[in-house]
N, C-alpha and C. Protein backbone atom coordinates (compact mmCIF):
# COMPACT_ATOMS: atom_id res chain seq x y z
N MET A 1 1.54 8.96 -3.73
CA MET A 1 0.76 10.18 -3.88
C MET A 1 -0.58 10.01 -3.18
N LEU A 2 -1.11 11.12 -2.77
CA LEU A 2 -2.35 11.12 -2.01
C LEU A 2 -3.54 11.52 -2.87
N SER A 3 -4.69 11.06 -2.47
CA SER A 3 -5.93 11.57 -3.04
C SER A 3 -6.39 12.73 -2.18
N VAL A 4 -7.09 13.65 -2.78
CA VAL A 4 -7.59 14.80 -2.04
C VAL A 4 -8.64 14.33 -1.04
N VAL A 5 -8.52 14.79 0.20
CA VAL A 5 -9.50 14.42 1.21
C VAL A 5 -10.77 15.24 1.01
N ALA A 6 -11.89 14.68 1.43
CA ALA A 6 -13.16 15.38 1.31
C ALA A 6 -13.06 16.72 2.02
N GLY A 7 -13.52 17.75 1.37
CA GLY A 7 -13.51 19.08 1.96
C GLY A 7 -12.22 19.85 1.76
N ALA A 8 -11.23 19.23 1.10
CA ALA A 8 -9.96 19.93 0.86
C ALA A 8 -10.21 21.16 0.02
N ARG A 9 -9.57 22.24 0.38
CA ARG A 9 -9.80 23.48 -0.35
C ARG A 9 -8.52 24.27 -0.59
N LEU A 10 -7.37 23.65 -0.42
CA LEU A 10 -6.10 24.33 -0.67
C LEU A 10 -5.28 23.49 -1.63
N VAL A 11 -4.80 24.13 -2.69
CA VAL A 11 -3.92 23.47 -3.66
C VAL A 11 -2.70 24.36 -3.86
N LYS A 12 -1.52 23.75 -3.84
CA LYS A 12 -0.28 24.46 -4.11
C LYS A 12 0.33 23.90 -5.39
N VAL A 13 0.69 24.80 -6.31
CA VAL A 13 1.37 24.42 -7.54
C VAL A 13 2.86 24.63 -7.29
N MET A 14 3.63 23.55 -7.38
CA MET A 14 5.07 23.64 -7.12
C MET A 14 5.77 22.46 -7.77
N ALA A 15 7.05 22.58 -7.97
CA ALA A 15 7.84 21.51 -8.58
C ALA A 15 8.53 20.69 -7.51
N ASP A 16 8.64 19.39 -7.77
CA ASP A 16 9.40 18.51 -6.90
C ASP A 16 9.78 17.29 -7.74
N HIS A 17 11.00 16.82 -7.59
CA HIS A 17 11.47 15.69 -8.39
C HIS A 17 10.61 14.46 -8.19
N GLY A 18 10.10 13.90 -9.29
CA GLY A 18 9.35 12.67 -9.24
C GLY A 18 8.00 12.74 -8.58
N ALA A 19 7.48 13.94 -8.38
CA ALA A 19 6.20 14.10 -7.68
C ALA A 19 5.23 14.91 -8.53
N SER A 20 3.98 14.82 -8.18
CA SER A 20 2.97 15.64 -8.83
C SER A 20 3.27 17.12 -8.59
N PRO A 21 3.06 17.97 -9.58
CA PRO A 21 3.29 19.40 -9.37
C PRO A 21 2.14 20.09 -8.64
N LEU A 22 1.07 19.36 -8.34
CA LEU A 22 -0.02 19.92 -7.55
C LEU A 22 -0.06 19.21 -6.21
N TRP A 23 -0.07 20.00 -5.16
CA TRP A 23 -0.12 19.48 -3.80
C TRP A 23 -1.42 19.98 -3.18
N ALA A 24 -2.12 19.10 -2.49
CA ALA A 24 -3.40 19.48 -1.90
C ALA A 24 -3.45 19.02 -0.45
N GLU A 25 -4.43 19.55 0.25
CA GLU A 25 -4.61 19.16 1.65
C GLU A 25 -4.80 17.66 1.75
N ALA A 26 -4.02 17.05 2.61
CA ALA A 26 -4.14 15.62 2.85
C ALA A 26 -4.55 15.36 4.30
N GLY A 27 -4.88 16.40 4.99
CA GLY A 27 -5.28 16.33 6.39
C GLY A 27 -5.06 17.69 7.01
N PRO A 28 -5.36 17.84 8.27
CA PRO A 28 -5.18 19.14 8.93
C PRO A 28 -3.74 19.63 8.83
N SER A 29 -3.55 20.76 8.22
CA SER A 29 -2.25 21.42 8.09
C SER A 29 -1.21 20.59 7.35
N VAL A 30 -1.64 19.67 6.50
CA VAL A 30 -0.70 18.82 5.76
C VAL A 30 -0.98 18.94 4.27
N LEU A 31 0.07 19.26 3.50
CA LEU A 31 -0.03 19.25 2.04
C LEU A 31 0.72 18.03 1.55
N GLY A 32 0.14 17.34 0.56
CA GLY A 32 0.81 16.18 -0.01
C GLY A 32 0.72 16.20 -1.52
N SER A 33 1.71 15.58 -2.16
CA SER A 33 1.70 15.42 -3.60
C SER A 33 0.42 14.67 -3.96
N THR A 34 -0.31 15.20 -4.92
CA THR A 34 -1.69 14.78 -5.15
C THR A 34 -1.89 14.13 -6.51
N GLU A 35 -2.65 13.05 -6.53
CA GLU A 35 -3.08 12.45 -7.79
C GLU A 35 -3.94 13.48 -8.52
N LEU A 36 -3.53 13.84 -9.72
CA LEU A 36 -4.26 14.88 -10.46
C LEU A 36 -5.70 14.48 -10.73
N ASP A 37 -5.96 13.19 -10.90
CA ASP A 37 -7.31 12.73 -11.18
C ASP A 37 -8.25 12.90 -10.00
N SER A 38 -7.70 13.16 -8.81
CA SER A 38 -8.56 13.33 -7.64
C SER A 38 -9.04 14.78 -7.49
N LEU A 39 -8.55 15.67 -8.35
CA LEU A 39 -9.00 17.07 -8.33
C LEU A 39 -10.03 17.30 -9.42
N PRO A 40 -11.01 18.16 -9.19
CA PRO A 40 -12.05 18.42 -10.19
C PRO A 40 -11.54 19.35 -11.30
N LEU A 41 -10.61 18.83 -12.12
CA LEU A 41 -10.03 19.59 -13.23
C LEU A 41 -10.34 18.88 -14.54
N SER A 42 -10.43 19.65 -15.61
CA SER A 42 -10.64 19.06 -16.93
C SER A 42 -9.42 18.24 -17.33
N GLN A 43 -9.61 17.28 -18.22
CA GLN A 43 -8.50 16.45 -18.67
C GLN A 43 -7.40 17.30 -19.30
N GLY A 44 -7.79 18.31 -20.07
CA GLY A 44 -6.81 19.17 -20.71
C GLY A 44 -5.91 19.87 -19.71
N LEU A 45 -6.48 20.31 -18.60
CA LEU A 45 -5.67 20.98 -17.59
C LEU A 45 -4.84 19.99 -16.79
N ARG A 46 -5.34 18.77 -16.60
CA ARG A 46 -4.55 17.75 -15.90
C ARG A 46 -3.28 17.40 -16.67
N ASP A 47 -3.34 17.44 -17.99
CA ASP A 47 -2.18 17.10 -18.81
C ASP A 47 -1.05 18.11 -18.66
N ARG A 48 -1.37 19.37 -18.42
CA ARG A 48 -0.35 20.41 -18.32
C ARG A 48 0.56 20.23 -17.11
N PRO A 49 0.02 19.97 -15.90
CA PRO A 49 0.93 19.72 -14.77
C PRO A 49 1.77 18.46 -14.97
N ARG A 50 1.20 17.44 -15.60
CA ARG A 50 1.99 16.23 -15.86
C ARG A 50 3.18 16.55 -16.76
N ALA A 51 2.94 17.31 -17.82
CA ALA A 51 4.02 17.69 -18.73
C ALA A 51 5.03 18.57 -18.00
N ARG A 52 4.57 19.43 -17.12
CA ARG A 52 5.47 20.31 -16.35
C ARG A 52 6.37 19.48 -15.43
N SER A 53 5.82 18.46 -14.82
CA SER A 53 6.60 17.60 -13.94
C SER A 53 7.70 16.88 -14.71
N ILE A 54 7.37 16.38 -15.89
CA ILE A 54 8.37 15.71 -16.73
C ILE A 54 9.46 16.69 -17.13
N GLU A 55 9.06 17.90 -17.51
CA GLU A 55 10.03 18.92 -17.89
C GLU A 55 10.95 19.25 -16.72
N TYR A 56 10.40 19.39 -15.54
CA TYR A 56 11.21 19.71 -14.36
C TYR A 56 12.24 18.62 -14.10
N ASP A 57 11.78 17.37 -14.11
CA ASP A 57 12.70 16.27 -13.86
C ASP A 57 13.81 16.20 -14.91
N ARG A 58 13.50 16.57 -16.12
CA ARG A 58 14.48 16.52 -17.20
C ARG A 58 15.50 17.66 -17.12
N HIS A 59 15.06 18.85 -16.72
CA HIS A 59 15.92 20.03 -16.83
C HIS A 59 16.49 20.57 -15.52
N ALA A 60 15.92 20.23 -14.41
CA ALA A 60 16.31 20.89 -13.15
C ALA A 60 17.77 20.69 -12.77
N LEU A 61 18.38 19.65 -13.21
CA LEU A 61 19.77 19.40 -12.83
C LEU A 61 20.78 19.90 -13.87
N GLN A 62 20.30 20.51 -14.92
CA GLN A 62 21.20 21.03 -15.94
C GLN A 62 21.82 22.34 -15.49
N ARG A 63 22.99 22.61 -16.01
CA ARG A 63 23.68 23.85 -15.66
C ARG A 63 22.91 25.10 -16.07
N ARG A 64 22.21 25.04 -17.18
CA ARG A 64 21.48 26.22 -17.68
C ARG A 64 20.17 26.44 -16.93
N TRP A 65 19.85 25.62 -15.97
CA TRP A 65 18.55 25.72 -15.30
C TRP A 65 18.32 27.12 -14.73
N SER A 66 19.34 27.71 -14.13
CA SER A 66 19.16 29.05 -13.55
C SER A 66 18.80 30.07 -14.63
N GLU A 67 19.29 29.88 -15.84
CA GLU A 67 18.96 30.79 -16.94
C GLU A 67 17.50 30.63 -17.36
N LEU A 68 16.95 29.45 -17.17
CA LEU A 68 15.58 29.16 -17.60
C LEU A 68 14.55 29.43 -16.50
N MET A 69 15.01 29.70 -15.29
CA MET A 69 14.12 29.78 -14.13
C MET A 69 13.06 30.87 -14.23
N THR A 70 13.37 32.02 -14.77
CA THR A 70 12.38 33.10 -14.85
C THR A 70 11.21 32.67 -15.73
N ASP A 71 11.51 32.10 -16.88
CA ASP A 71 10.44 31.62 -17.77
C ASP A 71 9.66 30.49 -17.10
N TRP A 72 10.36 29.57 -16.44
CA TRP A 72 9.71 28.46 -15.74
C TRP A 72 8.75 29.00 -14.68
N ASN A 73 9.20 29.97 -13.91
CA ASN A 73 8.37 30.57 -12.87
C ASN A 73 7.13 31.24 -13.46
N ASP A 74 7.31 31.98 -14.53
CA ASP A 74 6.17 32.66 -15.17
C ASP A 74 5.14 31.66 -15.66
N ARG A 75 5.61 30.59 -16.29
CA ARG A 75 4.68 29.57 -16.79
C ARG A 75 3.99 28.84 -15.65
N GLY A 76 4.71 28.61 -14.56
CA GLY A 76 4.10 27.96 -13.39
C GLY A 76 3.03 28.82 -12.75
N ARG A 77 3.28 30.12 -12.69
CA ARG A 77 2.28 31.05 -12.14
C ARG A 77 1.02 31.05 -13.02
N ARG A 78 1.21 31.04 -14.34
CA ARG A 78 0.04 30.99 -15.24
C ARG A 78 -0.73 29.68 -15.05
N LEU A 79 -0.01 28.58 -14.88
CA LEU A 79 -0.67 27.29 -14.62
C LEU A 79 -1.48 27.37 -13.33
N ALA A 80 -0.91 27.94 -12.30
CA ALA A 80 -1.62 28.09 -11.02
C ALA A 80 -2.88 28.93 -11.20
N GLN A 81 -2.81 29.97 -12.01
CA GLN A 81 -3.98 30.81 -12.28
C GLN A 81 -5.06 30.01 -13.00
N GLN A 82 -4.66 29.14 -13.94
CA GLN A 82 -5.64 28.32 -14.66
C GLN A 82 -6.25 27.27 -13.74
N VAL A 83 -5.45 26.69 -12.86
CA VAL A 83 -5.97 25.73 -11.88
C VAL A 83 -6.99 26.43 -10.98
N ALA A 84 -6.66 27.62 -10.51
CA ALA A 84 -7.58 28.38 -9.65
C ALA A 84 -8.88 28.68 -10.37
N ALA A 85 -8.79 29.06 -11.64
CA ALA A 85 -10.00 29.38 -12.41
C ALA A 85 -10.90 28.16 -12.56
N GLU A 86 -10.30 26.99 -12.80
CA GLU A 86 -11.12 25.79 -12.96
C GLU A 86 -11.68 25.28 -11.64
N LEU A 87 -10.91 25.37 -10.57
CA LEU A 87 -11.40 24.89 -9.28
C LEU A 87 -12.50 25.77 -8.73
N GLY A 88 -12.42 27.07 -8.99
CA GLY A 88 -13.49 27.97 -8.57
C GLY A 88 -13.28 28.60 -7.21
N ALA A 89 -14.28 29.36 -6.81
CA ALA A 89 -14.19 30.21 -5.62
C ALA A 89 -14.05 29.43 -4.31
N GLY A 90 -14.45 28.19 -4.27
CA GLY A 90 -14.36 27.42 -3.03
C GLY A 90 -12.97 26.91 -2.71
N TRP A 91 -12.01 27.19 -3.58
CA TRP A 91 -10.64 26.69 -3.40
C TRP A 91 -9.67 27.85 -3.25
N ARG A 92 -8.59 27.61 -2.51
CA ARG A 92 -7.49 28.57 -2.40
C ARG A 92 -6.29 27.93 -3.09
N VAL A 93 -5.71 28.65 -4.05
CA VAL A 93 -4.57 28.13 -4.80
C VAL A 93 -3.37 29.04 -4.54
N VAL A 94 -2.23 28.44 -4.29
CA VAL A 94 -0.99 29.19 -4.12
C VAL A 94 0.04 28.64 -5.10
N TYR A 95 1.02 29.46 -5.44
CA TYR A 95 2.09 29.06 -6.34
C TYR A 95 3.41 29.08 -5.58
N GLY A 96 4.14 27.99 -5.63
CA GLY A 96 5.45 27.91 -4.98
C GLY A 96 6.51 28.50 -5.88
N ASN A 97 6.86 29.76 -5.65
CA ASN A 97 7.83 30.47 -6.47
C ASN A 97 9.20 29.82 -6.31
N GLU A 98 9.76 29.34 -7.41
CA GLU A 98 11.03 28.62 -7.38
C GLU A 98 12.22 29.55 -7.16
N ILE A 99 12.07 30.82 -7.42
CA ILE A 99 13.18 31.77 -7.26
C ILE A 99 13.23 32.30 -5.83
N THR A 100 12.09 32.74 -5.32
CA THR A 100 12.08 33.34 -3.99
C THR A 100 11.81 32.34 -2.87
N GLY A 101 11.23 31.20 -3.21
CA GLY A 101 10.86 30.21 -2.20
C GLY A 101 9.59 30.57 -1.46
N VAL A 102 8.90 31.61 -1.91
CA VAL A 102 7.69 32.08 -1.25
C VAL A 102 6.45 31.48 -1.93
N ALA A 103 5.46 31.10 -1.13
CA ALA A 103 4.18 30.63 -1.66
C ALA A 103 3.32 31.87 -1.94
N GLU A 104 3.05 32.10 -3.22
CA GLU A 104 2.28 33.28 -3.64
C GLU A 104 0.80 32.94 -3.76
N ALA A 105 -0.06 33.73 -3.15
CA ALA A 105 -1.50 33.55 -3.31
C ALA A 105 -1.90 33.88 -4.73
N ILE A 106 -2.76 33.06 -5.29
CA ILE A 106 -3.26 33.27 -6.65
C ILE A 106 -4.68 33.80 -6.56
């Protein structure tokens, strides 16, 4: 996992097996799975993406996953909104929609 580079201002909230659910700029035009402690987030908010990552790894391969996807997407979008609120106006946050595959601006 990468640490956020100085001046990074883009964070993407998305799921990936065995990776941080927050991806940040790791260089010009490069997003990388990011150490949550390298972002200026409160401890309480850092715990939520960690729990989300564990949940994803546990459930993503189950047959019922498609039935749970709408709720998962809604909760992920809310998490992205909370990350954006804590990071503030100097950051751009997007959410990787698991259903459409589209990165949604938050």
